[in-house]
């Protein structure tokens, strides 16, 4: 697992640490789909996020992998197959993502 940044700071720092981990336009939505579906191939994620570019999706997935949130599994096949899933650490974000989903359902659609 990648080494995560330690946050030794004033009040509010835990919130900053959490937002740093899942911040970014697409990370929360990527996590939502991985929570819902468990394992997704790159192309499947791409279909679920039609407005994201391939470059940006790759960047966001790499950052989540580097932070130990997502596991990337490569299969030695032709054509190559890559699957993404949440790590054990990544699954600890499930209540956070679900809380954001609930808040959005209640407030964002008004």
PDB file of N, CA and C in Angstrom:
ATOM      1  N   UNK A   1       0.851  -1.169   0.000  1.00  0.00           N
ATOM      2  CA  UNK A   1       0.000   0.000   0.000  1.00  0.00           C
ATOM      3  C   UNK A   1       0.899   1.235   0.000  1.00  0.00           C
ATOM      4  N   UNK A   2       0.440   2.254  -0.669  1.00  0.00           N
ATOM      5  CA  UNK A   2       1.199   3.493  -0.768  1.00  0.00           C
ATOM      6  C   UNK A   2       1.221   4.202   0.574  1.00  0.00           C
ATOM      7  N   UNK A   3       2.258   4.972   0.769  1.00  0.00           N
ATOM      8  CA  UNK A   3       2.375   5.738   1.996  1.00  0.00           C
ATOM      9  C   UNK A   3       1.517   6.995   1.884  1.00  0.00           C
ATOM     10  N   UNK A   4       0.640   7.169   2.858  1.00  0.00           N
ATOM     11  CA  UNK A   4      -0.212   8.340   2.873  1.00  0.00           C
ATOM     12  C   UNK A   4       0.440   9.440   3.687  1.00  0.00           C
ATOM     13  N   UNK A   5       0.125  10.653   3.317  1.00  0.00           N
ATOM     14  CA  UNK A   5       0.653  11.829   3.982  1.00  0.00           C
ATOM     15  C   UNK A   5       0.081  11.929   5.391  1.00  0.00           C
ATOM     16  N   UNK A   6       0.947  12.170   6.370  1.00  0.00           N
ATOM     17  CA  UNK A   6       0.493  12.405   7.732  1.00  0.00           C
ATOM     18  C   UNK A   6       0.086  13.849   7.883  1.00  0.00           C
ATOM     19  N   UNK A   7      -1.008  14.078   8.572  1.00  0.00           N
ATOM     20  CA  UNK A   7      -1.502  15.432   8.790  1.00  0.00           C
ATOM     21  C   UNK A   7      -1.396  15.756  10.269  1.00  0.00           C
ATOM     22  N   UNK A   8      -0.420  16.560  10.636  1.00  0.00           N
ATOM     23  CA  UNK A   8      -0.286  17.033  11.997  1.00  0.00           C
ATOM     24  C   UNK A   8      -0.555  18.529  11.952  1.00  0.00           C
ATOM     25  N   UNK A   9      -1.796  18.902  12.227  1.00  0.00           N
ATOM     26  CA  UNK A   9      -2.137  20.306  12.121  1.00  0.00           C
ATOM     27  C   UNK A   9      -3.284  20.657  13.055  1.00  0.00           C
ATOM     28  N   UNK A  10      -3.789  21.823  12.875  1.00  0.00           N
ATOM     29  CA  UNK A  10      -4.811  22.373  13.746  1.00  0.00           C
ATOM     30  C   UNK A  10      -6.168  21.713  13.526  1.00  0.00           C
ATOM     31  N   UNK A  11      -7.140  22.205  14.275  1.00  0.00           N
ATOM     32  CA  UNK A  11      -8.509  21.723  14.172  1.00  0.00           C
ATOM     33  C   UNK A  11      -8.987  21.805  12.716  1.00  0.00           C
ATOM     34  N   UNK A  12      -9.716  20.795  12.283  1.00  0.00           N
ATOM     35  CA  UNK A  12     -10.186  20.743  10.902  1.00  0.00           C
ATOM     36  C   UNK A  12      -9.280  19.931  10.003  1.00  0.00           C
ATOM     37  N   UNK A  13      -8.124  19.572  10.503  1.00  0.00           N
ATOM     38  CA  UNK A  13      -7.157  18.838   9.697  1.00  0.00           C
ATOM     39  C   UNK A  13      -7.682  17.483   9.220  1.00  0.00           C
ATOM     40  N   UNK A  14      -8.415  16.739  10.042  1.00  0.00           N
ATOM     41  CA  UNK A  14      -8.942  15.474   9.541  1.00  0.00           C
ATOM     42  C   UNK A  14      -9.855  15.652   8.326  1.00  0.00           C
ATOM     43  N   UNK A  15     -10.601  16.739   8.304  1.00  0.00           N
ATOM     44  CA  UNK A  15     -11.449  17.022   7.151  1.00  0.00           C
ATOM     45  C   UNK A  15     -10.579  17.295   5.934  1.00  0.00           C
ATOM     46  N   UNK A  16      -9.528  18.067   6.128  1.00  0.00           N
ATOM     47  CA  UNK A  16      -8.586  18.365   5.041  1.00  0.00           C
ATOM     48  C   UNK A  16      -7.974  17.077   4.502  1.00  0.00           C
ATOM     49  N   UNK A  17      -7.594  16.173   5.404  1.00  0.00           N
ATOM     50  CA  UNK A  17      -6.985  14.903   4.991  1.00  0.00           C
ATOM     51  C   UNK A  17      -7.963  14.080   4.157  1.00  0.00           C
ATOM     52  N   UNK A  18      -9.215  14.031   4.587  1.00  0.00           N
ATOM     53  CA  UNK A  18     -10.225  13.277   3.845  1.00  0.00           C
ATOM     54  C   UNK A  18     -10.495  13.864   2.478  1.00  0.00           C
ATOM     55  N   UNK A  19     -10.610  15.190   2.420  1.00  0.00           N
ATOM     56  CA  UNK A  19     -10.855  15.846   1.137  1.00  0.00           C
ATOM     57  C   UNK A  19      -9.659  15.710   0.199  1.00  0.00           C
ATOM     58  N   UNK A  20      -8.461  15.724   0.757  1.00  0.00           N
ATOM     59  CA  UNK A  20      -7.270  15.542  -0.073  1.00  0.00           C
ATOM     60  C   UNK A  20      -7.276  14.164  -0.727  1.00  0.00           C
ATOM     61  N   UNK A  21      -7.749  13.168   0.011  1.00  0.00           N
ATOM     62  CA  UNK A  21      -7.764  11.797  -0.485  1.00  0.00           C
ATOM     63  C   UNK A  21      -8.808  11.594  -1.581  1.00  0.00           C
ATOM     64  N   UNK A  22     -10.009  12.152  -1.401  1.00  0.00           N
ATOM     65  CA  UNK A  22     -11.078  11.911  -2.380  1.00  0.00           C
ATOM     66  C   UNK A  22     -11.404  13.148  -3.203  1.00  0.00           C
ATOM     67  N   UNK A  23     -10.632  14.222  -2.998  1.00  0.00           N
ATOM     68  CA  UNK A  23     -10.856  15.437  -3.767  1.00  0.00           C
ATOM     69  C   UNK A  23     -10.559  15.217  -5.238  1.00  0.00           C
ATOM     70  N   UNK A  24     -11.110  16.037  -6.045  1.00  0.00           N
ATOM     71  CA  UNK A  24     -10.979  15.869  -7.488  1.00  0.00           C
ATOM     72  C   UNK A  24     -12.368  15.636  -8.046  1.00  0.00           C
ATOM     73  N   UNK A  25     -12.606  16.133  -9.218  1.00  0.00           N
ATOM     74  CA  UNK A  25     -13.948  16.106  -9.784  1.00  0.00           C
ATOM     75  C   UNK A  25     -14.508  14.694  -9.923  1.00  0.00           C
ATOM     76  N   UNK A  26     -13.677  13.714 -10.208  1.00  0.00           N
ATOM     77  CA  UNK A  26     -14.182  12.387 -10.558  1.00  0.00           C
ATOM     78  C   UNK A  26     -13.945  11.314  -9.500  1.00  0.00           C
ATOM     79  N   UNK A  27     -13.101  11.557  -8.528  1.00  0.00           N
ATOM     80  CA  UNK A  27     -12.761  10.501  -7.563  1.00  0.00           C
ATOM     81  C   UNK A  27     -13.968   9.994  -6.787  1.00  0.00           C
ATOM     82  N   UNK A  28     -14.807  10.899  -6.319  1.00  0.00           N
ATOM     83  CA  UNK A  28     -15.986  10.475  -5.569  1.00  0.00           C
ATOM     84  C   UNK A  28     -16.913   9.609  -6.398  1.00  0.00           C
ATOM     85  N   UNK A  29     -17.078   9.962  -7.665  1.00  0.00           N
ATOM     86  CA  UNK A  29     -17.960   9.193  -8.545  1.00  0.00           C
ATOM     87  C   UNK A  29     -17.333   7.841  -8.876  1.00  0.00           C
ATOM     88  N   UNK A  30     -16.025   7.816  -9.051  1.00  0.00           N
ATOM     89  CA  UNK A  30     -15.321   6.538  -9.275  1.00  0.00           C
ATOM     90  C   UNK A  30     -15.543   5.632  -8.059  1.00  0.00           C
ATOM     91  N   UNK A  31     -15.361   6.188  -6.867  1.00  0.00           N
ATOM     92  CA  UNK A  31     -15.559   5.404  -5.649  1.00  0.00           C
ATOM     93  C   UNK A  31     -17.001   4.908  -5.550  1.00  0.00           C
ATOM     94  N   UNK A  32     -17.953   5.780  -5.876  1.00  0.00           N
ATOM     95  CA  UNK A  32     -19.367   5.395  -5.846  1.00  0.00           C
ATOM     96  C   UNK A  32     -19.613   4.159  -6.719  1.00  0.00           C
ATOM     97  N   UNK A  33     -19.094   4.178  -7.930  1.00  0.00           N
ATOM     98  CA  UNK A  33     -19.325   3.055  -8.844  1.00  0.00           C
ATOM     99  C   UNK A  33     -18.595   1.793  -8.385  1.00  0.00           C
ATOM    100  N   UNK A  34     -17.414   1.939  -7.790  1.00  0.00           N
ATOM    101  CA  UNK A  34     -16.697   0.760  -7.292  1.00  0.00           C
ATOM    102  C   UNK A  34     -17.370   0.191  -6.040  1.00  0.00           C
ATOM    103  N   UNK A  35     -17.979   1.051  -5.232  1.00  0.00           N
ATOM    104  CA  UNK A  35     -18.736   0.566  -4.073  1.00  0.00           C
ATOM    105  C   UNK A  35     -19.945  -0.214  -4.564  1.00  0.00           C
ATOM    106  N   UNK A  36     -20.602   0.315  -5.559  1.00  0.00           N
ATOM    107  CA  UNK A  36     -21.837  -0.273  -6.083  1.00  0.00           C
ATOM    108  C   UNK A  36     -21.582  -1.576  -6.849  1.00  0.00           C
ATOM    109  N   UNK A  37     -20.520  -1.615  -7.654  1.00  0.00           N
ATOM    110  CA  UNK A  37     -20.292  -2.735  -8.560  1.00  0.00           C
ATOM    111  C   UNK A  37     -19.160  -3.667  -8.121  1.00  0.00           C
ATOM    112  N   UNK A  38     -18.328  -3.235  -7.204  1.00  0.00           N
ATOM    113  CA  UNK A  38     -17.196  -4.006  -6.646  1.00  0.00           C
ATOM    114  C   UNK A  38     -15.978  -4.062  -7.567  1.00  0.00           C
ATOM    115  N   UNK A  39     -16.132  -4.529  -8.803  1.00  0.00           N
ATOM    116  CA  UNK A  39     -15.009  -4.634  -9.740  1.00  0.00           C
ATOM    117  C   UNK A  39     -15.461  -4.078 -11.085  1.00  0.00           C
ATOM    118  N   UNK A  40     -14.628  -3.189 -11.630  1.00  0.00           N
ATOM    119  CA  UNK A  40     -14.946  -2.623 -12.944  1.00  0.00           C
ATOM    120  C   UNK A  40     -13.697  -2.563 -13.802  1.00  0.00           C
ATOM    121  N   UNK A  41     -13.874  -2.834 -15.076  1.00  0.00           N
ATOM    122  CA  UNK A  41     -12.795  -2.655 -16.038  1.00  0.00           C
ATOM    123  C   UNK A  41     -12.762  -1.189 -16.431  1.00  0.00           C
ATOM    124  N   UNK A  42     -11.638  -0.768 -16.991  1.00  0.00           N
ATOM    125  CA  UNK A  42     -11.466   0.630 -17.367  1.00  0.00           C
ATOM    126  C   UNK A  42     -12.587   1.087 -18.307  1.00  0.00           C
ATOM    127  N   UNK A  43     -12.881   0.288 -19.311  1.00  0.00           N
ATOM    128  CA  UNK A  43     -13.918   0.631 -20.284  1.00  0.00           C
ATOM    129  C   UNK A  43     -15.300   0.751 -19.649  1.00  0.00           C
ATOM    130  N   UNK A  44     -15.567  -0.074 -18.652  1.00  0.00           N
ATOM    131  CA  UNK A  44     -16.847   0.002 -17.952  1.00  0.00           C
ATOM    132  C   UNK A  44     -16.955   1.306 -17.163  1.00  0.00           C
ATOM    133  N   UNK A  45     -15.858   1.668 -16.507  1.00  0.00           N
ATOM    134  CA  UNK A  45     -15.829   2.955 -15.792  1.00  0.00           C
ATOM    135  C   UNK A  45     -16.037   4.104 -16.765  1.00  0.00           C
ATOM    136  N   UNK A  46     -15.388   4.021 -17.882  1.00  0.00           N
ATOM    137  CA  UNK A  46     -15.493   5.057 -18.922  1.00  0.00           C
ATOM    138  C   UNK A  46     -16.949   5.242 -19.362  1.00  0.00           C
ATOM    139  N   UNK A  47     -17.674   4.149 -19.506  1.00  0.00           N
ATOM    140  CA  UNK A  47     -19.088   4.225 -19.907  1.00  0.00           C
ATOM    141  C   UNK A  47     -19.954   4.840 -18.816  1.00  0.00           C
ATOM    142  N   UNK A  48     -19.594   4.601 -17.564  1.00  0.00           N
ATOM    143  CA  UNK A  48     -20.361   5.151 -16.449  1.00  0.00           C
ATOM    144  C   UNK A  48     -20.076   6.642 -16.243  1.00  0.00           C
ATOM    145  N   UNK A  49     -18.959   7.108 -16.788  1.00  0.00           N
ATOM    146  CA  UNK A  49     -18.559   8.517 -16.662  1.00  0.00           C
ATOM    147  C   UNK A  49     -18.331   9.092 -18.059  1.00  0.00           C
ATOM    148  N   UNK A  50     -19.369   9.254 -18.845  1.00  0.00           N
ATOM    149  CA  UNK A  50     -19.190   9.641 -20.249  1.00  0.00           C
ATOM    150  C   UNK A  50     -18.563  11.022 -20.456  1.00  0.00           C
ATOM    151  N   UNK A  51     -18.625  11.887 -19.454  1.00  0.00           N
ATOM    152  CA  UNK A  51     -18.075  13.233 -19.622  1.00  0.00           C
ATOM    153  C   UNK A  51     -16.594  13.341 -19.260  1.00  0.00           C
ATOM    154  N   UNK A  52     -16.024  12.293 -18.669  1.00  0.00           N
ATOM    155  CA  UNK A  52     -14.607  12.333 -18.297  1.00  0.00           C
ATOM    156  C   UNK A  52     -13.763  11.892 -19.492  1.00  0.00           C
ATOM    157  N   UNK A  53     -12.623  12.544 -19.669  1.00  0.00           N
ATOM    158  CA  UNK A  53     -11.714  12.121 -20.731  1.00  0.00           C
ATOM    159  C   UNK A  53     -10.939  10.892 -20.268  1.00  0.00           C
ATOM    160  N   UNK A  54     -10.430  10.149 -21.225  1.00  0.00           N
ATOM    161  CA  UNK A  54      -9.634   8.965 -20.892  1.00  0.00           C
ATOM    162  C   UNK A  54      -8.413   9.369 -20.069  1.00  0.00           C
ATOM    163  N   UNK A  55      -7.803  10.467 -20.439  1.00  0.00           N
ATOM    164  CA  UNK A  55      -6.611  10.953 -19.731  1.00  0.00           C
ATOM    165  C   UNK A  55      -6.931  11.286 -18.276  1.00  0.00           C
ATOM    166  N   UNK A  56      -8.054  11.980 -18.040  1.00  0.00           N
ATOM    167  CA  UNK A  56      -8.424  12.360 -16.681  1.00  0.00           C
ATOM    168  C   UNK A  56      -8.823  11.152 -15.853  1.00  0.00           C
ATOM    169  N   UNK A  57      -9.543  10.209 -16.442  1.00  0.00           N
ATOM    170  CA  UNK A  57      -9.922   9.001 -15.717  1.00  0.00           C
ATOM    171  C   UNK A  57      -8.673   8.229 -15.307  1.00  0.00           C
ATOM    172  N   UNK A  58      -7.731   8.109 -16.221  1.00  0.00           N
ATOM    173  CA  UNK A  58      -6.472   7.429 -15.920  1.00  0.00           C
ATOM    174  C   UNK A  58      -5.745   8.129 -14.775  1.00  0.00           C
ATOM    175  N   UNK A  59      -5.678   9.448 -14.833  1.00  0.00           N
ATOM    176  CA  UNK A  59      -5.002  10.237 -13.791  1.00  0.00           C
ATOM    177  C   UNK A  59      -5.652  10.022 -12.427  1.00  0.00           C
ATOM    178  N   UNK A  60      -6.988  10.110 -12.380  1.00  0.00           N
ATOM    179  CA  UNK A  60      -7.698   9.951 -11.108  1.00  0.00           C
ATOM    180  C   UNK A  60      -7.523   8.539 -10.555  1.00  0.00           C
ATOM    181  N   UNK A  61      -7.586   7.521 -11.417  1.00  0.00           N
ATOM    182  CA  UNK A  61      -7.389   6.142 -10.976  1.00  0.00           C
ATOM    183  C   UNK A  61      -5.968   5.930 -10.461  1.00  0.00           C
ATOM    184  N   UNK A  62      -4.991   6.506 -11.122  1.00  0.00           N
ATOM    185  CA  UNK A  62      -3.599   6.374 -10.668  1.00  0.00           C
ATOM    186  C   UNK A  62      -3.406   7.004  -9.292  1.00  0.00           C
ATOM    187  N   UNK A  63      -4.030   8.167  -9.075  1.00  0.00           N
ATOM    188  CA  UNK A  63      -3.920   8.824  -7.774  1.00  0.00           C
ATOM    189  C   UNK A  63      -4.585   7.982  -6.685  1.00  0.00           C
ATOM    190  N   UNK A  64      -5.758   7.430  -6.978  1.00  0.00           N
ATOM    191  CA  UNK A  64      -6.437   6.574  -6.006  1.00  0.00           C
ATOM    192  C   UNK A  64      -5.627   5.312  -5.724  1.00  0.00           C
ATOM    193  N   UNK A  65      -4.985   4.781  -6.747  1.00  0.00           N
ATOM    194  CA  UNK A  65      -4.124   3.607  -6.561  1.00  0.00           C
ATOM    195  C   UNK A  65      -2.902   3.968  -5.728  1.00  0.00           C
ATOM    196  N   UNK A  66      -2.284   5.092  -6.032  1.00  0.00           N
ATOM    197  CA  UNK A  66      -1.098   5.538  -5.293  1.00  0.00           C
ATOM    198  C   UNK A  66      -1.407   5.745  -3.814  1.00  0.00           C
ATOM    199  N   UNK A  67      -2.611   6.229  -3.526  1.00  0.00           N
ATOM    200  CA  UNK A  67      -3.019   6.481  -2.148  1.00  0.00           C
ATOM    201  C   UNK A  67      -3.545   5.235  -1.440  1.00  0.00           C
ATOM    202  N   UNK A  68      -3.559   4.109  -2.139  1.00  0.00           N
ATOM    203  CA  UNK A  68      -3.970   2.855  -1.525  1.00  0.00           C
ATOM    204  C   UNK A  68      -5.470   2.673  -1.421  1.00  0.00           C
ATOM    205  N   UNK A  69      -6.243   3.447  -2.168  1.00  0.00           N
ATOM    206  CA  UNK A  69      -7.699   3.381  -2.119  1.00  0.00           C
ATOM    207  C   UNK A  69      -8.223   2.338  -3.108  1.00  0.00           C
ATOM    208  N   UNK A  70      -7.583   2.246  -4.257  1.00  0.00           N
ATOM    209  CA  UNK A  70      -8.025   1.375  -5.347  1.00  0.00           C
ATOM    210  C   UNK A  70      -6.928   0.363  -5.656  1.00  0.00           C
ATOM    211  N   UNK A  71      -7.342  -0.825  -6.000  1.00  0.00           N
ATOM    212  CA  UNK A  71      -6.415  -1.873  -6.442  1.00  0.00           C
ATOM    213  C   UNK A  71      -6.583  -2.037  -7.953  1.00  0.00           C
ATOM    214  N   UNK A  72      -5.472  -2.020  -8.640  1.00  0.00           N
ATOM    215  CA  UNK A  72      -5.458  -2.213 -10.094  1.00  0.00           C
ATOM    216  C   UNK A  72      -4.886  -3.592 -10.368  1.00  0.00           C
ATOM    217  N   UNK A  73      -5.670  -4.431 -11.030  1.00  0.00           N
ATOM    218  CA  UNK A  73      -5.236  -5.792 -11.338  1.00  0.00           C
ATOM    219  C   UNK A  73      -5.134  -5.940 -12.843  1.00  0.00           C
ATOM    220  N   UNK A  74      -3.931  -6.296 -13.306  1.00  0.00           N
ATOM    221  CA  UNK A  74      -3.674  -6.455 -14.736  1.00  0.00           C
ATOM    222  C   UNK A  74      -3.613  -7.943 -15.055  1.00  0.00           C
ATOM    223  N   UNK A  75      -4.343  -8.344 -16.087  1.00  0.00           N
ATOM    224  CA  UNK A  75      -4.354  -9.729 -16.532  1.00  0.00           C
ATOM    225  C   UNK A  75      -3.517  -9.832 -17.797  1.00  0.00           C
ATOM    226  N   UNK A  76      -2.612 -10.806 -17.821  1.00  0.00           N
ATOM    227  CA  UNK A  76      -1.736 -11.010 -18.976  1.00  0.00           C
ATOM    228  C   UNK A  76      -2.500 -11.768 -20.061  1.00  0.00           C
ATOM    229  N   UNK A  77      -3.329 -11.041 -20.768  1.00  0.00           N
ATOM    230  CA  UNK A  77      -4.134 -11.611 -21.841  1.00  0.00           C
ATOM    231  C   UNK A  77      -3.994 -10.741 -23.076  1.00  0.00           C
ATOM    232  N   UNK A  78      -4.474 -11.272 -24.178  1.00  0.00           N
ATOM    233  CA  UNK A  78      -4.549 -10.472 -25.401  1.00  0.00           C
ATOM    234  C   UNK A  78      -6.013 -10.438 -25.813  1.00  0.00           C
ATOM    235  N   UNK A  79      -6.635  -9.284 -25.856  1.00  0.00           N
ATOM    236  CA  UNK A  79      -6.100  -7.974 -25.471  1.00  0.00           C
ATOM    237  C   UNK A  79      -5.967  -7.864 -23.951  1.00  0.00           C
ATOM    238  N   UNK A  80      -5.099  -6.960 -23.490  1.00  0.00           N
ATOM    239  CA  UNK A  80      -4.883  -6.812 -22.048  1.00  0.00           C
ATOM    240  C   UNK A  80      -6.185  -6.428 -21.337  1.00  0.00           C
ATOM    241  N   UNK A  81      -6.332  -6.913 -20.125  1.00  0.00           N
ATOM    242  CA  UNK A  81      -7.511  -6.599 -19.320  1.00  0.00           C
ATOM    243  C   UNK A  81      -7.035  -6.037 -17.989  1.00  0.00           C
ATOM    244  N   UNK A  82      -7.639  -4.932 -17.578  1.00  0.00           N
ATOM    245  CA  UNK A  82      -7.307  -4.292 -16.314  1.00  0.00           C
ATOM    246  C   UNK A  82      -8.598  -4.101 -15.529  1.00  0.00           C
ATOM    247  N   UNK A  83      -8.587  -4.531 -14.271  1.00  0.00           N
ATOM    248  CA  UNK A  83      -9.753  -4.379 -13.409  1.00  0.00           C
ATOM    249  C   UNK A  83      -9.396  -3.516 -12.207  1.00  0.00           C
ATOM    250  N   UNK A  84     -10.386  -2.748 -11.768  1.00  0.00           N
ATOM    251  CA  UNK A  84     -10.213  -1.888 -10.604  1.00  0.00           C
ATOM    252  C   UNK A  84     -11.225  -2.292  -9.539  1.00  0.00           C
ATOM    253  N   UNK A  85     -10.763  -2.273  -8.291  1.00  0.00           N
ATOM    254  CA  UNK A  85     -11.632  -2.547  -7.154  1.00  0.00           C
ATOM    255  C   UNK A  85     -11.128  -1.734  -5.970  1.00  0.00           C
ATOM    256  N   UNK A  86     -11.940  -1.656  -4.934  1.00  0.00           N
ATOM    257  CA  UNK A  86     -11.516  -0.940  -3.736  1.00  0.00           C
ATOM    258  C   UNK A  86     -10.617  -1.823  -2.893  1.00  0.00           C
ATOM    259  N   UNK A  87      -9.611  -1.220  -2.305  1.00  0.00           N
ATOM    260  CA  UNK A  87      -8.779  -1.920  -1.331  1.00  0.00           C
ATOM    261  C   UNK A  87      -9.552  -1.975  -0.013  1.00  0.00           C
ATOM    262  N   UNK A  88      -9.017  -2.677   0.966  1.00  0.00           N
ATOM    263  CA  UNK A  88      -9.645  -2.680   2.298  1.00  0.00           C
ATOM    264  C   UNK A  88      -9.718  -1.254   2.838  1.00  0.00           C
ATOM    265  N   UNK A  89      -8.642  -0.503   2.633  1.00  0.00           N
ATOM    266  CA  UNK A  89      -8.623   0.896   3.059  1.00  0.00           C
ATOM    267  C   UNK A  89      -9.694   1.684   2.296  1.00  0.00           C
ATOM    268  N   UNK A  90      -9.820   1.433   1.005  1.00  0.00           N
ATOM    269  CA  UNK A  90     -10.808   2.129   0.187  1.00  0.00           C
ATOM    270  C   UNK A  90     -12.232   1.866   0.646  1.00  0.00           C
ATOM    271  N   UNK A  91     -12.501   0.650   1.112  1.00  0.00           N
ATOM    272  CA  UNK A  91     -13.857   0.344   1.574  1.00  0.00           C
ATOM    273  C   UNK A  91     -14.225   1.130   2.827  1.00  0.00           C
ATOM    274  N   UNK A  92     -13.232   1.630   3.561  1.00  0.00           N
ATOM    275  CA  UNK A  92     -13.542   2.453   4.736  1.00  0.00           C
ATOM    276  C   UNK A  92     -14.167   3.789   4.330  1.00  0.00           C
ATOM    277  N   UNK A  93     -14.080   4.143   3.048  1.00  0.00           N
ATOM    278  CA  UNK A  93     -14.688   5.377   2.555  1.00  0.00           C
ATOM    279  C   UNK A  93     -16.162   5.196   2.176  1.00  0.00           C
ATOM    280  N   UNK A  94     -16.664   3.978   2.253  1.00  0.00           N
ATOM    281  CA  UNK A  94     -18.056   3.710   1.881  1.00  0.00           C
ATOM    282  C   UNK A  94     -19.044   4.590   2.643  1.00  0.00           C
ATOM    283  N   UNK A  95     -18.946   4.710   3.967  1.00  0.00           N
ATOM    284  CA  UNK A  95     -19.918   5.568   4.662  1.00  0.00           C
ATOM    285  C   UNK A  95     -19.826   7.034   4.239  1.00  0.00           C
ATOM    286  N   UNK A  96     -18.639   7.483   3.890  1.00  0.00           N
ATOM    287  CA  UNK A  96     -18.451   8.872   3.451  1.00  0.00           C
ATOM    288  C   UNK A  96     -19.148   9.089   2.112  1.00  0.00           C
ATOM    289  N   UNK A  97     -18.918   8.179   1.184  1.00  0.00           N
ATOM    290  CA  UNK A  97     -19.524   8.291  -0.149  1.00  0.00           C
ATOM    291  C   UNK A  97     -21.045   8.153  -0.051  1.00  0.00           C
ATOM    292  N   UNK A  98     -21.514   7.231   0.774  1.00  0.00           N
ATOM    293  CA  UNK A  98     -22.964   7.064   0.956  1.00  0.00           C
ATOM    294  C   UNK A  98     -23.581   8.315   1.586  1.00  0.00           C
ATOM    295  N   UNK A  99     -22.876   8.937   2.542  1.00  0.00           N
ATOM    296  CA  UNK A  99     -23.378  10.173   3.154  1.00  0.00           C
ATOM    297  C   UNK A  99     -23.467  11.285   2.114  1.00  0.00           C
ATOM    298  N   UNK A 100     -22.478  11.383   1.237  1.00  0.00           N
ATOM    299  CA  UNK A 100     -22.524  12.375   0.159  1.00  0.00           C
ATOM    300  C   UNK A 100     -23.675  12.084  -0.801  1.00  0.00           C
ATOM    301  N   UNK A 101     -23.897  10.803  -1.096  1.00  0.00           N
ATOM    302  CA  UNK A 101     -25.009  10.413  -1.956  1.00  0.00           C
ATOM    303  C   UNK A 101     -26.342  10.829  -1.325  1.00  0.00           C
ATOM    304  N   UNK A 102     -26.511  10.538  -0.034  1.00  0.00           N
ATOM    305  CA  UNK A 102     -27.746  10.901   0.663  1.00  0.00           C
ATOM    306  C   UNK A 102     -27.944  12.411   0.698  1.00  0.00           C
ATOM    307  N   UNK A 103     -26.876  13.140   0.979  1.00  0.00           N
ATOM    308  CA  UNK A 103     -26.967  14.598   0.992  1.00  0.00           C
ATOM    309  C   UNK A 103     -27.358  15.114  -0.387  1.00  0.00           C
ATOM    310  N   UNK A 104     -26.742  14.581  -1.420  1.00  0.00           N
ATOM    311  CA  UNK A 104     -27.057  14.994  -2.783  1.00  0.00           C
ATOM    312  C   UNK A 104     -28.493  14.707  -3.156  1.00  0.00           C
ATOM    313  N   UNK A 105     -28.984  13.524  -2.761  1.00  0.00           N
ATOM    314  CA  UNK A 105     -30.378  13.181  -3.043  1.00  0.00           C
ATOM    315  C   UNK A 105     -31.347  14.132  -2.344  1.00  0.00           C
ATOM    316  N   UNK A 106     -30.984  14.576  -1.164  1.00  0.00           N
ATOM    317  CA  UNK A 106     -31.856  15.458  -0.389  1.00  0.00           C
ATOM    318  C   UNK A 106     -31.733  16.919  -0.809  1.00  0.00           C
ATOM    319  N   UNK A 107     -30.528  17.373  -1.110  1.00  0.00           N
ATOM    320  CA  UNK A 107     -30.293  18.805  -1.281  1.00  0.00           C
ATOM    321  C   UNK A 107     -29.889  19.277  -2.658  1.00  0.00           C
ATOM    322  N   UNK A 108     -29.152  18.474  -3.385  1.00  0.00           N
ATOM    323  CA  UNK A 108     -28.564  18.961  -4.636  1.00  0.00           C
ATOM    324  C   UNK A 108     -29.566  19.020  -5.784  1.00  0.00           C
ATOM    325  N   UNK A 109     -30.656  18.322  -5.668  1.00  0.00           N
ATOM    326  CA  UNK A 109     -31.613  18.250  -6.780  1.00  0.00           C
ATOM    327  C   UNK A 109     -32.764  19.236  -6.625  1.00  0.00           C
ATOM    328  N   UNK A 110     -32.633  20.162  -5.712  1.00  0.00           N
ATOM    329  CA  UNK A 110     -33.718  21.143  -5.480  1.00  0.00           C
ATOM    330  C   UNK A 110     -33.551  22.347  -6.337  1.00  0.00           C
TER     331      UNK A 110
END
